[in-house]
Amino acid sequence: MESGLDFVEVGQHYTFAKTVGETDVTLFAGITGDFSDTHVNDQYMKTRTNLGGRIAHGALIVGFMSTVSTISIAHVIHRENLSDFPVSAGYDRIRFLKPVLLGDTVTVHYRVAEVDRQRGRSLADMEAVNQHGETVAVGRHVMRWAKKLSAAG
C-alpha cells in the first residue's frame, strides 16, 4: 500500500477561477445569515463608502480556496491501495487584502509548499487574484493524510 503523499510534490500548482455574481453573494448571505450592508445593500455601499458597490463575503473567497484544495487531490483520492486519504485540517494566515466586487473574476492559485511524511500532512500556499492581477486574499492550507481502516482498502 502507498501513501497518498507519495503523489504530492512541492511545487505542484492548481487553480480555480470564478466570476463573483449577484447570485453567489445573495445565496451565500442566505446560507450563512451574513446580511451585512457591505454585501446586500448597494445604495449604502455607493453612498457611504469609497468602494463603489457591494463586496463579496471573505468567507466566500475562502470557499474558493477550499474548492482548489479539492482540485489538488483529485489525482490522488481515488487511487487503489492507498493507506491514507486527504482531509482538510484547516487554513492558516488567511488575509483579505482587497475587496472583491460583484463582477470581479477571482482566480485562486494553490501551490504545494511542503510535504511532511512524518506528520502525515502537506501544506500549500494560496493566493487569490482578481482580473487585474491584484492579490485580494492569501492563506495557507493544511491537508492531513488520515490512515484508512485496514478493512477499507
Foldseek 3Di string as FASTA:
>chain_A
DAALLVVDDFFDKWKDKDQAAPVNLVVVCVVVVPPPCLRPPQVCCCPPHPPNGHFHDPVVVVVRVVVRVVVSCPVRAPDPPHQWHKDWPDKAPKDFDATHHRRWMKMKMWGWHDRDVPQQKTKIKIFIATPVRHTGIIIMTIIHIGGDDPVVD
